[in-house]
């Protein structure tokens, strides 16, 4: 089983590595490029014209997963990835086609995210017997009223998906931070379908990373980042490790809360708490960190978070 999983991951890596240049050429030919917000630093302004929506290539991983292991749970995980990717694609397409940095409205994105999340969560609970409870240890779970659990999980999934989306702001950042999270789910899962999906996604992300490292030849856009956010959020629910989210998703949550705090502080004081939010821009503008340094540090924190989460899971949940 391990050999076949590794082979499929390698296969997906090779597919993405080989076909991403074709996708980049197509996006550039259609002039579907990234508009840059005026308030971003000069080094980001230089990225104007970089092809957007390269996250579409990650759907190769979905296709590979379904082709080789078309089981219900694989189908569900692929559906989460695809539906959130569609929302991101609509946003990216408006940005690229009309050179509008704002894309579709935040309200529109949230409406679709809540709708898709509600439907997917209903399917998950009915089809795979995911109970309304918070797992604390292997022997102890905290029962939660079904309606309260559903509302909490919908808010958690949408919020976490957007937190992960906020992390996609520097070349290679989200990929470097997401790979440890997928690897954590690969390590802890007893479901062959989850192991397959995670390992194939890691292969795809490594293939895309070749073209997304600084200086990026293409950006994955919300097409990729929202899909990653949706799938990782649902994986936490499938594996019943919601308790570990503050640690496992620490980088994503810090990115999101930096934006929330920035807005809250500015409304109260008319001053900025950070030079710019999300917080990865703060390290660049205030401390002069290079993109590569920020990506390396945040990636290290993500690996450390995954390790700490795995240790808790191994001691108390396995």
C-alpha atoms as a PDB file:
ATOM      1  CA  UNK A   1       0.000   0.000   0.000  1.00  0.00           C
ATOM      2  CA  UNK A   2       2.796   2.429   0.968  1.00  0.00           C
ATOM      3  CA  UNK A   3       4.622   1.787  -2.309  1.00  0.00           C
ATOM      4  CA  UNK A   4       1.496   2.391  -4.379  1.00  0.00           C
ATOM      5  CA  UNK A   5       0.728   5.616  -2.506  1.00  0.00           C
ATOM      6  CA  UNK A   6       4.262   6.856  -3.064  1.00  0.00           C
ATOM      7  CA  UNK A   7       4.010   5.940  -6.745  1.00  0.00           C
ATOM      8  CA  UNK A   8       0.773   7.907  -7.144  1.00  0.00           C
ATOM      9  CA  UNK A   9       2.265  10.900  -5.333  1.00  0.00           C
ATOM     10  CA  UNK A  10       5.293  10.778  -7.635  1.00  0.00           C
ATOM     11  CA  UNK A  11       3.009  10.438 -10.650  1.00  0.00           C
ATOM     12  CA  UNK A  12       0.982  13.510  -9.644  1.00  0.00           C
ATOM     13  CA  UNK A  13       4.209  15.439  -9.003  1.00  0.00           C
ATOM     14  CA  UNK A  14       5.473  14.613 -12.493  1.00  0.00           C
ATOM     15  CA  UNK A  15       2.154  15.527 -14.120  1.00  0.00           C
ATOM     16  CA  UNK A  16       2.070  18.931 -12.431  1.00  0.00           C
ATOM     17  CA  UNK A  17       5.751  19.542 -13.161  1.00  0.00           C
ATOM     18  CA  UNK A  18       5.305  18.736 -16.852  1.00  0.00           C
ATOM     19  CA  UNK A  19       1.991  20.491 -17.509  1.00  0.00           C
ATOM     20  CA  UNK A  20       2.345  23.660 -15.416  1.00  0.00           C
ATOM     21  CA  UNK A  21       4.504  25.346 -18.108  1.00  0.00           C
ATOM     22  CA  UNK A  22       1.722  24.663 -20.624  1.00  0.00           C
ATOM     23  CA  UNK A  23      -0.829  26.219 -18.260  1.00  0.00           C
ATOM     24  CA  UNK A  24       1.427  29.233 -17.665  1.00  0.00           C
ATOM     25  CA  UNK A  25       1.792  29.716 -21.422  1.00  0.00           C
ATOM     26  CA  UNK A  26      -1.975  29.531 -21.869  1.00  0.00           C
ATOM     27  CA  UNK A  27      -2.691  32.004 -19.049  1.00  0.00           C
ATOM     28  CA  UNK A  28      -0.094  34.415 -20.400  1.00  0.00           C
ATOM     29  CA  UNK A  29      -1.477  34.112 -23.941  1.00  0.00           C
ATOM     30  CA  UNK A  30      -4.986  34.908 -22.667  1.00  0.00           C
ATOM     31  CA  UNK A  31      -3.571  37.770 -20.573  1.00  0.00           C
ATOM     32  CA  UNK A  32      -5.026  36.314 -17.402  1.00  0.00           C
ATOM     33  CA  UNK A  33      -2.471  37.945 -15.144  1.00  0.00           C
ATOM     34  CA  UNK A  34      -2.362  39.196 -11.564  1.00  0.00           C
ATOM     35  CA  UNK A  35      -3.377  42.818 -10.930  1.00  0.00           C
ATOM     36  CA  UNK A  36      -1.429  44.287  -8.004  1.00  0.00           C
ATOM     37  CA  UNK A  37      -3.039  46.402  -5.305  1.00  0.00           C
ATOM     38  CA  UNK A  38      -1.615  49.927  -5.228  1.00  0.00           C
ATOM     39  CA  UNK A  39      -0.830  49.815  -1.490  1.00  0.00           C
ATOM     40  CA  UNK A  40       1.523  46.830  -1.773  1.00  0.00           C
ATOM     41  CA  UNK A  41       5.305  47.448  -1.585  1.00  0.00           C
ATOM     42  CA  UNK A  42       7.383  48.208  -4.732  1.00  0.00           C
ATOM     43  CA  UNK A  43       8.797  44.671  -4.913  1.00  0.00           C
ATOM     44  CA  UNK A  44       5.231  43.402  -5.257  1.00  0.00           C
ATOM     45  CA  UNK A  45       4.411  45.986  -7.912  1.00  0.00           C
ATOM     46  CA  UNK A  46       7.148  44.376 -10.009  1.00  0.00           C
ATOM     47  CA  UNK A  47       5.065  41.187 -10.082  1.00  0.00           C
ATOM     48  CA  UNK A  48       2.380  42.810 -12.196  1.00  0.00           C
ATOM     49  CA  UNK A  49       1.700  40.673 -15.244  1.00  0.00           C
ATOM     50  CA  UNK A  50       2.459  37.324 -13.585  1.00  0.00           C
ATOM     51  CA  UNK A  51      -0.041  34.665 -14.732  1.00  0.00           C
ATOM     52  CA  UNK A  52      -2.844  34.010 -12.259  1.00  0.00           C
ATOM     53  CA  UNK A  53      -5.002  30.906 -11.605  1.00  0.00           C
ATOM     54  CA  UNK A  54      -2.138  28.396 -11.789  1.00  0.00           C
ATOM     55  CA  UNK A  55      -3.965  26.667  -8.934  1.00  0.00           C
ATOM     56  CA  UNK A  56      -6.046  25.008 -11.649  1.00  0.00           C
ATOM     57  CA  UNK A  57      -3.180  22.564 -12.118  1.00  0.00           C
ATOM     58  CA  UNK A  58      -3.900  21.181  -8.622  1.00  0.00           C
ATOM     59  CA  UNK A  59      -7.084  19.691 -10.030  1.00  0.00           C
ATOM     60  CA  UNK A  60      -4.735  17.137 -11.580  1.00  0.00           C
ATOM     61  CA  UNK A  61      -4.449  15.732  -8.063  1.00  0.00           C
ATOM     62  CA  UNK A  62      -8.222  15.453  -7.845  1.00  0.00           C
ATOM     63  CA  UNK A  63      -8.337  13.639 -11.192  1.00  0.00           C
ATOM     64  CA  UNK A  64      -5.546  11.251 -10.195  1.00  0.00           C
ATOM     65  CA  UNK A  65      -7.246  10.496  -6.866  1.00  0.00           C
ATOM     66  CA  UNK A  66     -10.588   9.713  -8.500  1.00  0.00           C
ATOM     67  CA  UNK A  67      -9.047   7.707 -11.336  1.00  0.00           C
ATOM     68  CA  UNK A  68      -7.069   5.351  -9.145  1.00  0.00           C
ATOM     69  CA  UNK A  69      -9.292   5.113  -6.054  1.00  0.00           C
ATOM     70  CA  UNK A  70     -12.907   6.169  -6.753  1.00  0.00           C
ATOM     71  CA  UNK A  71     -14.186   5.465  -3.240  1.00  0.00           C
ATOM     72  CA  UNK A  72     -16.911   7.552  -1.507  1.00  0.00           C
ATOM     73  CA  UNK A  73     -14.549   9.348   0.886  1.00  0.00           C
ATOM     74  CA  UNK A  74     -12.123  10.180  -1.938  1.00  0.00           C
ATOM     75  CA  UNK A  75     -15.065  11.506  -3.943  1.00  0.00           C
ATOM     76  CA  UNK A  76     -16.109  13.644  -0.975  1.00  0.00           C
ATOM     77  CA  UNK A  77     -12.620  15.094  -0.436  1.00  0.00           C
ATOM     78  CA  UNK A  78     -12.290  15.833  -4.141  1.00  0.00           C
ATOM     79  CA  UNK A  79     -15.702  17.532  -4.061  1.00  0.00           C
ATOM     80  CA  UNK A  80     -14.583  19.829  -1.231  1.00  0.00           C
ATOM     81  CA  UNK A  81     -11.480  20.742  -3.197  1.00  0.00           C
ATOM     82  CA  UNK A  82     -13.390  21.335  -6.439  1.00  0.00           C
ATOM     83  CA  UNK A  83     -16.257  23.385  -4.987  1.00  0.00           C
ATOM     84  CA  UNK A  84     -13.985  25.757  -3.089  1.00  0.00           C
ATOM     85  CA  UNK A  85     -11.760  25.957  -6.161  1.00  0.00           C
ATOM     86  CA  UNK A  86     -14.745  27.093  -8.243  1.00  0.00           C
ATOM     87  CA  UNK A  87     -15.340  30.011  -5.865  1.00  0.00           C
ATOM     88  CA  UNK A  88     -11.680  30.966  -6.114  1.00  0.00           C
ATOM     89  CA  UNK A  89     -11.739  30.620  -9.894  1.00  0.00           C
ATOM     90  CA  UNK A  90     -14.657  33.061 -10.195  1.00  0.00           C
ATOM     91  CA  UNK A  91     -12.754  35.557  -8.046  1.00  0.00           C
ATOM     92  CA  UNK A  92      -9.493  35.100  -9.942  1.00  0.00           C
ATOM     93  CA  UNK A  93     -11.134  35.309 -13.343  1.00  0.00           C
ATOM     94  CA  UNK A  94     -12.672  38.691 -12.556  1.00  0.00           C
ATOM     95  CA  UNK A  95      -9.335  39.921 -11.209  1.00  0.00           C
ATOM     96  CA  UNK A  96      -7.371  38.734 -14.220  1.00  0.00           C
ATOM     97  CA  UNK A  97      -9.823  39.363 -17.054  1.00  0.00           C
ATOM     98  CA  UNK A  98     -10.804  42.858 -15.883  1.00  0.00           C
ATOM     99  CA  UNK A  99      -7.559  43.695 -14.022  1.00  0.00           C
ATOM    100  CA  UNK A 100      -9.625  44.344 -10.913  1.00  0.00           C
ATOM    101  CA  UNK A 101      -7.629  43.583  -7.734  1.00  0.00           C
ATOM    102  CA  UNK A 102     -10.853  43.264  -5.735  1.00  0.00           C
ATOM    103  CA  UNK A 103     -12.368  40.390  -7.739  1.00  0.00           C
ATOM    104  CA  UNK A 104     -15.900  39.363  -6.835  1.00  0.00           C
ATOM    105  CA  UNK A 105     -17.379  40.839  -3.669  1.00  0.00           C
ATOM    106  CA  UNK A 106     -16.515  39.348  -0.308  1.00  0.00           C
ATOM    107  CA  UNK A 107     -20.212  38.880   0.395  1.00  0.00           C
ATOM    108  CA  UNK A 108     -20.669  36.797  -2.760  1.00  0.00           C
ATOM    109  CA  UNK A 109     -17.727  34.593  -1.867  1.00  0.00           C
ATOM    110  CA  UNK A 110     -19.037  34.070   1.657  1.00  0.00           C
ATOM    111  CA  UNK A 111     -22.534  33.187   0.437  1.00  0.00           C
ATOM    112  CA  UNK A 112     -21.152  30.419  -1.774  1.00  0.00           C
ATOM    113  CA  UNK A 113     -18.717  29.249   0.901  1.00  0.00           C
ATOM    114  CA  UNK A 114     -21.470  28.934   3.495  1.00  0.00           C
ATOM    115  CA  UNK A 115     -23.781  27.211   0.999  1.00  0.00           C
ATOM    116  CA  UNK A 116     -21.182  24.677  -0.167  1.00  0.00           C
ATOM    117  CA  UNK A 117     -19.976  24.069   3.398  1.00  0.00           C
ATOM    118  CA  UNK A 118     -23.500  23.426   4.659  1.00  0.00           C
ATOM    119  CA  UNK A 119     -24.213  20.941   1.871  1.00  0.00           C
ATOM    120  CA  UNK A 120     -20.874  19.154   2.244  1.00  0.00           C
ATOM    121  CA  UNK A 121     -21.170  18.966   6.032  1.00  0.00           C
ATOM    122  CA  UNK A 122     -24.674  17.480   5.727  1.00  0.00           C
ATOM    123  CA  UNK A 123     -23.344  14.843   3.306  1.00  0.00           C
ATOM    124  CA  UNK A 124     -20.377  14.124   5.556  1.00  0.00           C
ATOM    125  CA  UNK A 125     -22.498  13.569   8.653  1.00  0.00           C
ATOM    126  CA  UNK A 126     -25.159  11.494   6.881  1.00  0.00           C
ATOM    127  CA  UNK A 127     -22.881   9.375   4.682  1.00  0.00           C
ATOM    128  CA  UNK A 128     -19.825   8.844   6.859  1.00  0.00           C
ATOM    129  CA  UNK A 129     -21.432   8.900  10.332  1.00  0.00           C
ATOM    130  CA  UNK A 130     -19.467  11.854  11.627  1.00  0.00           C
ATOM    131  CA  UNK A 131     -21.055  12.466  15.027  1.00  0.00           C
ATOM    132  CA  UNK A 132     -21.721  15.836  16.714  1.00  0.00           C
ATOM    133  CA  UNK A 133     -18.950  15.641  19.289  1.00  0.00           C
ATOM    134  CA  UNK A 134     -15.577  17.110  20.139  1.00  0.00           C
ATOM    135  CA  UNK A 135     -12.914  14.459  20.526  1.00  0.00           C
ATOM    136  CA  UNK A 136     -10.616  15.206  23.470  1.00  0.00           C
ATOM    137  CA  UNK A 137      -8.703  11.936  23.825  1.00  0.00           C
ATOM    138  CA  UNK A 138      -8.962   8.417  22.435  1.00  0.00           C
ATOM    139  CA  UNK A 139     -11.404   7.475  25.191  1.00  0.00           C
ATOM    140  CA  UNK A 140     -13.116  10.796  25.847  1.00  0.00           C
ATOM    141  CA  UNK A 141     -15.390  12.828  23.586  1.00  0.00           C
ATOM    142  CA  UNK A 142     -17.591  15.775  24.462  1.00  0.00           C
ATOM    143  CA  UNK A 143     -21.124  15.392  23.028  1.00  0.00           C
ATOM    144  CA  UNK A 144     -22.506  18.550  21.424  1.00  0.00           C
ATOM    145  CA  UNK A 145     -26.123  19.226  20.402  1.00  0.00           C
ATOM    146  CA  UNK A 146     -26.378  18.491  16.688  1.00  0.00           C
ATOM    147  CA  UNK A 147     -27.585  21.952  15.664  1.00  0.00           C
ATOM    148  CA  UNK A 148     -24.893  23.680  17.705  1.00  0.00           C
ATOM    149  CA  UNK A 149     -22.248  21.366  16.257  1.00  0.00           C
ATOM    150  CA  UNK A 150     -23.361  22.044  12.676  1.00  0.00           C
ATOM    151  CA  UNK A 151     -23.372  25.809  13.197  1.00  0.00           C
ATOM    152  CA  UNK A 152     -19.960  25.699  14.878  1.00  0.00           C
ATOM    153  CA  UNK A 153     -18.451  23.515  12.160  1.00  0.00           C
ATOM    154  CA  UNK A 154     -19.835  25.665   9.335  1.00  0.00           C
ATOM    155  CA  UNK A 155     -18.317  28.762  10.940  1.00  0.00           C
ATOM    156  CA  UNK A 156     -15.077  26.896  11.630  1.00  0.00           C
ATOM    157  CA  UNK A 157     -14.714  25.566   8.079  1.00  0.00           C
ATOM    158  CA  UNK A 158     -15.511  28.857   6.346  1.00  0.00           C
ATOM    159  CA  UNK A 159     -13.332  30.810   8.761  1.00  0.00           C
ATOM    160  CA  UNK A 160     -10.416  28.422   8.456  1.00  0.00           C
ATOM    161  CA  UNK A 161     -10.659  28.238   4.673  1.00  0.00           C
ATOM    162  CA  UNK A 162     -10.401  32.021   4.535  1.00  0.00           C
ATOM    163  CA  UNK A 163      -7.544  32.044   7.041  1.00  0.00           C
ATOM    164  CA  UNK A 164      -5.626  29.696   4.756  1.00  0.00           C
ATOM    165  CA  UNK A 165      -6.532  31.918   1.810  1.00  0.00           C
ATOM    166  CA  UNK A 166      -5.001  34.938   3.617  1.00  0.00           C
ATOM    167  CA  UNK A 167      -1.709  33.054   3.813  1.00  0.00           C
ATOM    168  CA  UNK A 168      -1.319  33.081   0.030  1.00  0.00           C
ATOM    169  CA  UNK A 169       0.487  36.412  -0.273  1.00  0.00           C
ATOM    170  CA  UNK A 170       4.140  35.658  -0.998  1.00  0.00           C
ATOM    171  CA  UNK A 171       5.833  33.453  -3.567  1.00  0.00           C
ATOM    172  CA  UNK A 172       5.727  29.859  -2.345  1.00  0.00           C
ATOM    173  CA  UNK A 173       4.358  30.769   1.106  1.00  0.00           C
ATOM    174  CA  UNK A 174       1.065  28.879   1.136  1.00  0.00           C
ATOM    175  CA  UNK A 175       2.549  25.773  -0.473  1.00  0.00           C
ATOM    176  CA  UNK A 176       5.384  25.624   2.067  1.00  0.00           C
ATOM    177  CA  UNK A 177       2.949  26.043   4.949  1.00  0.00           C
ATOM    178  CA  UNK A 178       0.306  23.640   3.584  1.00  0.00           C
ATOM    179  CA  UNK A 179       2.545  20.644   2.873  1.00  0.00           C
ATOM    180  CA  UNK A 180       3.211  19.964   6.611  1.00  0.00           C
ATOM    181  CA  UNK A 181      -0.533  20.171   7.313  1.00  0.00           C
ATOM    182  CA  UNK A 182      -1.411  17.639   4.615  1.00  0.00           C
ATOM    183  CA  UNK A 183       1.445  15.462   5.875  1.00  0.00           C
ATOM    184  CA  UNK A 184       0.001  15.568   9.413  1.00  0.00           C
ATOM    185  CA  UNK A 185      -3.335  14.234   8.135  1.00  0.00           C
ATOM    186  CA  UNK A 186      -1.502  11.580   6.113  1.00  0.00           C
ATOM    187  CA  UNK A 187       0.327  10.419   9.231  1.00  0.00           C
ATOM    188  CA  UNK A 188      -2.635  10.211  11.603  1.00  0.00           C
ATOM    189  CA  UNK A 189      -5.393   8.888   9.364  1.00  0.00           C
ATOM    190  CA  UNK A 190      -6.690   5.337   9.464  1.00  0.00           C
ATOM    191  CA  UNK A 191      -8.564   5.948   6.210  1.00  0.00           C
ATOM    192  CA  UNK A 192      -6.684   4.807   3.076  1.00  0.00           C
ATOM    193  CA  UNK A 193      -8.706   7.387   1.130  1.00  0.00           C
ATOM    194  CA  UNK A 194      -7.404  10.246   3.286  1.00  0.00           C
ATOM    195  CA  UNK A 195      -3.829   8.999   3.037  1.00  0.00           C
ATOM    196  CA  UNK A 196      -4.162   8.782  -0.748  1.00  0.00           C
ATOM    197  CA  UNK A 197      -5.684  12.243  -1.101  1.00  0.00           C
ATOM    198  CA  UNK A 198      -3.101  13.903   1.158  1.00  0.00           C
ATOM    199  CA  UNK A 199      -0.083  12.279  -0.437  1.00  0.00           C
ATOM    200  CA  UNK A 200      -1.282  13.102  -3.943  1.00  0.00           C
ATOM    201  CA  UNK A 201      -1.918  16.707  -2.919  1.00  0.00           C
ATOM    202  CA  UNK A 202       1.607  16.898  -1.491  1.00  0.00           C
ATOM    203  CA  UNK A 203       2.967  15.628  -4.809  1.00  0.00           C
ATOM    204  CA  UNK A 204       0.958  18.236  -6.724  1.00  0.00           C
ATOM    205  CA  UNK A 205       2.019  21.048  -4.397  1.00  0.00           C
ATOM    206  CA  UNK A 206       5.680  20.113  -4.732  1.00  0.00           C
ATOM    207  CA  UNK A 207       5.295  20.145  -8.511  1.00  0.00           C
ATOM    208  CA  UNK A 208       3.682  23.592  -8.464  1.00  0.00           C
ATOM    209  CA  UNK A 209       6.258  24.877  -5.979  1.00  0.00           C
ATOM    210  CA  UNK A 210       8.932  24.641  -8.673  1.00  0.00           C
ATOM    211  CA  UNK A 211       7.144  27.447 -10.530  1.00  0.00           C
ATOM    212  CA  UNK A 212       5.828  29.310  -7.475  1.00  0.00           C
ATOM    213  CA  UNK A 213       9.070  29.877  -5.596  1.00  0.00           C
ATOM    214  CA  UNK A 214      10.517  33.390  -5.667  1.00  0.00           C
ATOM    215  CA  UNK A 215      10.496  34.848  -8.239  1.00  0.00           C
ATOM    216  CA  UNK A 216       7.220  33.102  -9.064  1.00  0.00           C
ATOM    217  CA  UNK A 217       6.486  32.297 -12.693  1.00  0.00           C
ATOM    218  CA  UNK A 218       2.792  31.967 -11.812  1.00  0.00           C
ATOM    219  CA  UNK A 219       0.442  32.503  -8.868  1.00  0.00           C
ATOM    220  CA  UNK A 220      -1.987  29.828  -7.755  1.00  0.00           C
ATOM    221  CA  UNK A 221      -4.570  32.491  -6.857  1.00  0.00           C
ATOM    222  CA  UNK A 222      -7.754  31.839  -4.915  1.00  0.00           C
ATOM    223  CA  UNK A 223      -8.378  28.984  -7.361  1.00  0.00           C
ATOM    224  CA  UNK A 224      -5.747  27.051  -5.441  1.00  0.00           C
ATOM    225  CA  UNK A 225      -5.689  28.708  -2.023  1.00  0.00           C
ATOM    226  CA  UNK A 226      -9.421  28.460  -1.308  1.00  0.00           C
ATOM    227  CA  UNK A 227      -9.403  24.842  -2.501  1.00  0.00           C
ATOM    228  CA  UNK A 228      -6.529  24.055  -0.144  1.00  0.00           C
ATOM    229  CA  UNK A 229      -8.360  25.865   2.643  1.00  0.00           C
ATOM    230  CA  UNK A 230     -11.608  23.995   2.080  1.00  0.00           C
ATOM    231  CA  UNK A 231     -10.001  20.562   1.869  1.00  0.00           C
ATOM    232  CA  UNK A 232      -7.768  21.029   4.932  1.00  0.00           C
ATOM    233  CA  UNK A 233     -10.682  22.338   6.991  1.00  0.00           C
ATOM    234  CA  UNK A 234     -12.845  19.351   6.114  1.00  0.00           C
ATOM    235  CA  UNK A 235      -9.969  16.967   6.792  1.00  0.00           C
ATOM    236  CA  UNK A 236      -9.902  18.250  10.373  1.00  0.00           C
ATOM    237  CA  UNK A 237     -13.590  17.378  10.721  1.00  0.00           C
ATOM    238  CA  UNK A 238     -13.227  13.976   9.030  1.00  0.00           C
ATOM    239  CA  UNK A 239     -10.361  13.028  11.355  1.00  0.00           C
ATOM    240  CA  UNK A 240     -12.069  14.551  14.438  1.00  0.00           C
ATOM    241  CA  UNK A 241      -9.070  16.674  15.429  1.00  0.00           C
ATOM    242  CA  UNK A 242     -10.901  20.003  15.755  1.00  0.00           C
ATOM    243  CA  UNK A 243      -9.306  20.365  19.203  1.00  0.00           C
ATOM    244  CA  UNK A 244      -5.854  20.586  17.577  1.00  0.00           C
ATOM    245  CA  UNK A 245      -6.743  23.356  15.137  1.00  0.00           C
ATOM    246  CA  UNK A 246      -5.287  26.255  17.204  1.00  0.00           C
ATOM    247  CA  UNK A 247      -1.886  24.542  17.035  1.00  0.00           C
ATOM    248  CA  UNK A 248      -2.043  22.717  13.709  1.00  0.00           C
ATOM    249  CA  UNK A 249      -3.385  25.760  11.827  1.00  0.00           C
ATOM    250  CA  UNK A 250      -1.385  28.285  13.865  1.00  0.00           C
ATOM    251  CA  UNK A 251       0.211  30.050  10.895  1.00  0.00           C
ATOM    252  CA  UNK A 252      -3.091  30.430   9.055  1.00  0.00           C
ATOM    253  CA  UNK A 253      -4.897  31.696  12.151  1.00  0.00           C
ATOM    254  CA  UNK A 254      -2.179  34.230  12.967  1.00  0.00           C
ATOM    255  CA  UNK A 255      -2.426  35.524   9.403  1.00  0.00           C
ATOM    256  CA  UNK A 256      -6.195  35.885   9.703  1.00  0.00           C
ATOM    257  CA  UNK A 257      -6.201  37.446  13.176  1.00  0.00           C
ATOM    258  CA  UNK A 258      -3.567  39.966  12.096  1.00  0.00           C
ATOM    259  CA  UNK A 259      -6.076  41.263   9.545  1.00  0.00           C
ATOM    260  CA  UNK A 260      -8.902  41.321  12.111  1.00  0.00           C
ATOM    261  CA  UNK A 261      -6.733  43.102  14.685  1.00  0.00           C
ATOM    262  CA  UNK A 262      -5.489  45.591  12.098  1.00  0.00           C
ATOM    263  CA  UNK A 263      -9.036  46.574  11.154  1.00  0.00           C
ATOM    264  CA  UNK A 264     -10.227  46.704  14.788  1.00  0.00           C
ATOM    265  CA  UNK A 265      -7.238  48.787  15.947  1.00  0.00           C
ATOM    266  CA  UNK A 266      -7.496  51.213  13.041  1.00  0.00           C
ATOM    267  CA  UNK A 267     -11.198  51.817  13.635  1.00  0.00           C
ATOM    268  CA  UNK A 268     -10.520  52.629  17.298  1.00  0.00           C
ATOM    269  CA  UNK A 269      -7.329  54.687  16.953  1.00  0.00           C
ATOM    270  CA  UNK A 270      -6.938  55.589  13.262  1.00  0.00           C
ATOM    271  CA  UNK A 271      -3.462  54.072  13.617  1.00  0.00           C
ATOM    272  CA  UNK A 272      -2.054  50.841  12.211  1.00  0.00           C
ATOM    273  CA  UNK A 273      -1.060  48.041  14.568  1.00  0.00           C
ATOM    274  CA  UNK A 274       1.048  46.414  11.815  1.00  0.00           C
ATOM    275  CA  UNK A 275       2.787  48.076   8.910  1.00  0.00           C
ATOM    276  CA  UNK A 276       0.522  45.975   6.703  1.00  0.00           C
ATOM    277  CA  UNK A 277      -1.711  42.936   7.146  1.00  0.00           C
ATOM    278  CA  UNK A 278      -1.715  39.961   6.754  1.00  0.00           C
ATOM    279  CA  UNK A 279       1.283  39.818   9.032  1.00  0.00           C
ATOM    280  CA  UNK A 280       3.744  38.408   6.479  1.00  0.00           C
ATOM    281  CA  UNK A 281       3.813  41.882   4.877  1.00  0.00           C
ATOM    282  CA  UNK A 282       4.673  43.383   8.292  1.00  0.00           C
ATOM    283  CA  UNK A 283       7.886  41.372   8.495  1.00  0.00           C
ATOM    284  CA  UNK A 284       8.829  42.547   5.019  1.00  0.00           C
ATOM    285  CA  UNK A 285       8.089  46.243   5.547  1.00  0.00           C
ATOM    286  CA  UNK A 286       9.182  46.694   9.177  1.00  0.00           C
ATOM    287  CA  UNK A 287      12.119  44.303   9.459  1.00  0.00           C
ATOM    288  CA  UNK A 288      13.213  44.072   5.839  1.00  0.00           C
ATOM    289  CA  UNK A 289      12.866  40.298   5.673  1.00  0.00           C
ATOM    290  CA  UNK A 290      13.116  38.893   2.175  1.00  0.00           C
ATOM    291  CA  UNK A 291      10.285  36.814   0.763  1.00  0.00           C
ATOM    292  CA  UNK A 292      12.462  33.709   0.931  1.00  0.00           C
ATOM    293  CA  UNK A 293      13.221  34.304   4.626  1.00  0.00           C
ATOM    294  CA  UNK A 294       9.538  34.785   5.499  1.00  0.00           C
ATOM    295  CA  UNK A 295       8.577  31.659   3.556  1.00  0.00           C
ATOM    296  CA  UNK A 296      11.326  29.642   5.258  1.00  0.00           C
ATOM    297  CA  UNK A 297      10.416  30.832   8.785  1.00  0.00           C
ATOM    298  CA  UNK A 298       6.674  30.371   8.329  1.00  0.00           C
ATOM    299  CA  UNK A 299       7.275  26.949   6.782  1.00  0.00           C
ATOM    300  CA  UNK A 300       9.407  25.937   9.766  1.00  0.00           C
ATOM    301  CA  UNK A 301       6.653  27.078  12.158  1.00  0.00           C
ATOM    302  CA  UNK A 302       4.127  25.023  10.195  1.00  0.00           C
ATOM    303  CA  UNK A 303       6.295  21.901  10.451  1.00  0.00           C
ATOM    304  CA  UNK A 304       6.742  22.526  14.191  1.00  0.00           C
ATOM    305  CA  UNK A 305       2.976  22.972  14.592  1.00  0.00           C
ATOM    306  CA  UNK A 306       2.351  19.711  12.748  1.00  0.00           C
ATOM    307  CA  UNK A 307       4.881  17.916  14.961  1.00  0.00           C
ATOM    308  CA  UNK A 308       3.366  19.225  18.211  1.00  0.00           C
ATOM    309  CA  UNK A 309      -0.116  18.303  16.960  1.00  0.00           C
ATOM    310  CA  UNK A 310       1.077  14.815  16.020  1.00  0.00           C
ATOM    311  CA  UNK A 311       2.651  14.321  19.457  1.00  0.00           C
ATOM    312  CA  UNK A 312      -0.621  15.214  21.173  1.00  0.00           C
ATOM    313  CA  UNK A 313      -2.544  12.965  18.810  1.00  0.00           C
ATOM    314  CA  UNK A 314      -0.084  10.088  19.337  1.00  0.00           C
ATOM    315  CA  UNK A 315      -0.160  10.354  23.143  1.00  0.00           C
ATOM    316  CA  UNK A 316      -3.831  11.106  23.719  1.00  0.00           C
ATOM    317  CA  UNK A 317      -5.821  10.255  20.586  1.00  0.00           C
ATOM    318  CA  UNK A 318      -4.256   7.266  18.877  1.00  0.00           C
END
